[in-house]
Amino acid sequence: MTLDKMKSLDKDDVLQLLGLETRRTNMDYIVPSLAILGVGLLVGTGIGLLVAPRPGRELREDLAKRIQDMPEQMSALPKKATDAFHRASEQISDHVEDRKA
């Protein structure tokens, strides 16, 4: 090996000659994973738009309507939860009374 070739060696070349490699950091694992996730999201979104049962304009209008209705639905949630709680407690009471009888 000539002096010029030895000067051009970097850390990875020396480690490879010794049968070793550099230690991978967390970023070496995270960045490719995030890239794959991003590509998957893009592909999934594209496929979803291609197989959507409605044209884009109708889909956007439907989404806009649902977003506008969201405050009304959110305000109705406490009442729905209270009603469901009362129904469940009545069923439990009835079941307990039946077990006692």
C-alpha atoms as a PDB file:
ATOM      1  CA  MET A   1       0.000   0.000   0.000  1.00  0.00           C
ATOM      2  CA  THR A   2       1.439   3.329  -1.008  1.00  0.00           C
ATOM      3  CA  LEU A   3       1.544   6.461   1.127  1.00  0.00           C
ATOM      4  CA  ASP A   4      -1.060   8.204  -1.068  1.00  0.00           C
ATOM      5  CA  LYS A   5      -3.529   5.334  -0.597  1.00  0.00           C
ATOM      6  CA  MET A   6      -2.912   5.352   3.143  1.00  0.00           C
ATOM      7  CA  LYS A   7      -3.636   9.092   3.295  1.00  0.00           C
ATOM      8  CA  SER A   8      -6.970   8.586   1.550  1.00  0.00           C
ATOM      9  CA  LEU A   9      -8.147   5.978   4.090  1.00  0.00           C
ATOM     10  CA  ASP A  10     -10.902   7.124   6.382  1.00  0.00           C
ATOM     11  CA  LYS A  11     -12.144   5.719   9.674  1.00  0.00           C
ATOM     12  CA  ASP A  12     -14.599   3.300   8.041  1.00  0.00           C
ATOM     13  CA  ASP A  13     -11.892   1.872   5.749  1.00  0.00           C
ATOM     14  CA  VAL A  14      -9.608   1.148   8.704  1.00  0.00           C
ATOM     15  CA  LEU A  15     -12.406  -0.419  10.704  1.00  0.00           C
ATOM     16  CA  GLN A  16     -13.400  -2.562   7.718  1.00  0.00           C
ATOM     17  CA  LEU A  17      -9.819  -3.826   7.403  1.00  0.00           C
ATOM     18  CA  LEU A  18     -10.006  -4.886  11.054  1.00  0.00           C
ATOM     19  CA  GLY A  19     -13.404  -6.544  10.528  1.00  0.00           C
ATOM     20  CA  LEU A  20     -15.248  -3.926  12.566  1.00  0.00           C
ATOM     21  CA  GLU A  21     -17.781  -1.223  11.843  1.00  0.00           C
ATOM     22  CA  THR A  22     -18.840   2.063  13.420  1.00  0.00           C
ATOM     23  CA  ARG A  23     -21.485   2.043  16.112  1.00  0.00           C
ATOM     24  CA  ARG A  24     -24.903   3.082  14.823  1.00  0.00           C
ATOM     25  CA  THR A  25     -26.698   5.873  16.634  1.00  0.00           C
ATOM     26  CA  ASN A  26     -30.416   6.149  17.320  1.00  0.00           C
ATOM     27  CA  MET A  27     -30.757   8.559  14.420  1.00  0.00           C
ATOM     28  CA  ASP A  28     -29.425   5.859  12.086  1.00  0.00           C
ATOM     29  CA  TYR A  29     -32.537   3.858  12.970  1.00  0.00           C
ATOM     30  CA  ILE A  30     -35.096   6.658  13.309  1.00  0.00           C
ATOM     31  CA  VAL A  31     -34.531   8.553  10.058  1.00  0.00           C
ATOM     32  CA  PRO A  32     -35.079   5.570   7.709  1.00  0.00           C
ATOM     33  CA  SER A  33     -38.117   4.500   9.742  1.00  0.00           C
ATOM     34  CA  LEU A  34     -39.661   7.956   9.473  1.00  0.00           C
ATOM     35  CA  ALA A  35     -38.937   8.039   5.755  1.00  0.00           C
ATOM     36  CA  ILE A  36     -40.673   4.678   5.269  1.00  0.00           C
ATOM     37  CA  LEU A  37     -43.622   5.891   7.369  1.00  0.00           C
ATOM     38  CA  GLY A  38     -43.900   9.043   5.238  1.00  0.00           C
ATOM     39  CA  VAL A  39     -43.828   7.076   2.003  1.00  0.00           C
ATOM     40  CA  GLY A  40     -46.447   4.696   3.387  1.00  0.00           C
ATOM     41  CA  LEU A  41     -48.707   7.593   4.333  1.00  0.00           C
ATOM     42  CA  LEU A  42     -48.402   9.102   0.877  1.00  0.00           C
ATOM     43  CA  VAL A  43     -49.058   5.797  -0.884  1.00  0.00           C
ATOM     44  CA  GLY A  44     -52.007   5.015   1.397  1.00  0.00           C
ATOM     45  CA  THR A  45     -53.522   8.431   0.842  1.00  0.00           C
ATOM     46  CA  GLY A  46     -53.095   8.101  -2.906  1.00  0.00           C
ATOM     47  CA  ILE A  47     -54.707   4.673  -2.989  1.00  0.00           C
ATOM     48  CA  GLY A  48     -57.525   5.917  -0.759  1.00  0.00           C
ATOM     49  CA  LEU A  49     -58.234   8.783  -3.119  1.00  0.00           C
ATOM     50  CA  LEU A  50     -58.132   6.494  -6.138  1.00  0.00           C
ATOM     51  CA  VAL A  51     -60.662   4.044  -4.726  1.00  0.00           C
ATOM     52  CA  ALA A  52     -62.894   6.614  -3.029  1.00  0.00           C
ATOM     53  CA  PRO A  53     -66.544   6.041  -3.891  1.00  0.00           C
ATOM     54  CA  ARG A  54     -67.147   9.780  -4.447  1.00  0.00           C
ATOM     55  CA  PRO A  55     -65.442  12.450  -6.484  1.00  0.00           C
ATOM     56  CA  GLY A  56     -63.050  14.773  -4.669  1.00  0.00           C
ATOM     57  CA  ARG A  57     -65.451  17.731  -4.584  1.00  0.00           C
ATOM     58  CA  GLU A  58     -68.181  15.676  -2.893  1.00  0.00           C
ATOM     59  CA  LEU A  59     -65.697  14.225  -0.438  1.00  0.00           C
ATOM     60  CA  ARG A  60     -64.391  17.680   0.494  1.00  0.00           C
ATOM     61  CA  GLU A  61     -67.941  18.999   0.925  1.00  0.00           C
ATOM     62  CA  ASP A  62     -68.823  16.046   3.152  1.00  0.00           C
ATOM     63  CA  LEU A  63     -65.712  16.569   5.275  1.00  0.00           C
ATOM     64  CA  ALA A  64     -66.429  20.301   5.585  1.00  0.00           C
ATOM     65  CA  LYS A  65     -70.011  19.574   6.674  1.00  0.00           C
ATOM     66  CA  ARG A  66     -68.833  17.068   9.279  1.00  0.00           C
ATOM     67  CA  ILE A  67     -66.298  19.547  10.634  1.00  0.00           C
ATOM     68  CA  GLN A  68     -68.969  22.246  10.871  1.00  0.00           C
ATOM     69  CA  ASP A  69     -71.306  19.839  12.706  1.00  0.00           C
ATOM     70  CA  MET A  70     -68.564  18.839  15.145  1.00  0.00           C
ATOM     71  CA  PRO A  71     -69.338  21.497  17.834  1.00  0.00           C
ATOM     72  CA  GLU A  72     -72.996  20.400  17.992  1.00  0.00           C
ATOM     73  CA  GLN A  73     -71.981  16.750  18.283  1.00  0.00           C
ATOM     74  CA  MET A  74     -69.397  17.563  20.951  1.00  0.00           C
ATOM     75  CA  SER A  75     -71.947  19.516  23.006  1.00  0.00           C
ATOM     76  CA  ALA A  76     -74.320  16.532  22.879  1.00  0.00           C
ATOM     77  CA  LEU A  77     -71.686  14.095  24.193  1.00  0.00           C
ATOM     78  CA  PRO A  78     -72.158  14.812  27.936  1.00  0.00           C
ATOM     79  CA  LYS A  79     -75.899  14.142  27.689  1.00  0.00           C
ATOM     80  CA  LYS A  80     -75.299  10.942  25.704  1.00  0.00           C
ATOM     81  CA  ALA A  81     -72.714   9.803  28.258  1.00  0.00           C
ATOM     82  CA  THR A  82     -75.073  10.557  31.165  1.00  0.00           C
ATOM     83  CA  ASP A  83     -77.919   8.674  29.484  1.00  0.00           C
ATOM     84  CA  ALA A  84     -75.670   5.691  28.788  1.00  0.00           C
ATOM     85  CA  PHE A  85     -74.475   5.736  32.407  1.00  0.00           C
ATOM     86  CA  HIS A  86     -78.051   5.754  33.730  1.00  0.00           C
ATOM     87  CA  ARG A  87     -79.080   2.910  31.425  1.00  0.00           C
ATOM     88  CA  ALA A  88     -76.072   0.848  32.492  1.00  0.00           C
ATOM     89  CA  SER A  89     -76.681   1.503  36.193  1.00  0.00           C
ATOM     90  CA  GLU A  90     -80.354   0.517  35.818  1.00  0.00           C
ATOM     91  CA  GLN A  91     -79.352  -2.714  34.085  1.00  0.00           C
ATOM     92  CA  ILE A  92     -76.848  -3.476  36.832  1.00  0.00           C
ATOM     93  CA  SER A  93     -79.461  -2.741  39.527  1.00  0.00           C
ATOM     94  CA  ASP A  94     -81.984  -4.971  37.792  1.00  0.00           C
ATOM     95  CA  HIS A  95     -79.406  -7.740  37.452  1.00  0.00           C
ATOM     96  CA  VAL A  96     -78.448  -7.479  41.158  1.00  0.00           C
ATOM     97  CA  GLU A  97     -82.112  -7.574  42.217  1.00  0.00           C
ATOM     98  CA  ASP A  98     -82.706 -10.635  40.029  1.00  0.00           C
ATOM     99  CA  ARG A  99     -79.748 -12.396  41.664  1.00  0.00           C
ATOM    100  CA  LYS A 100     -81.156 -11.636  45.135  1.00  0.00           C
ATOM    101  CA  ALA A 101     -84.575 -13.033  44.281  1.00  0.00           C
END
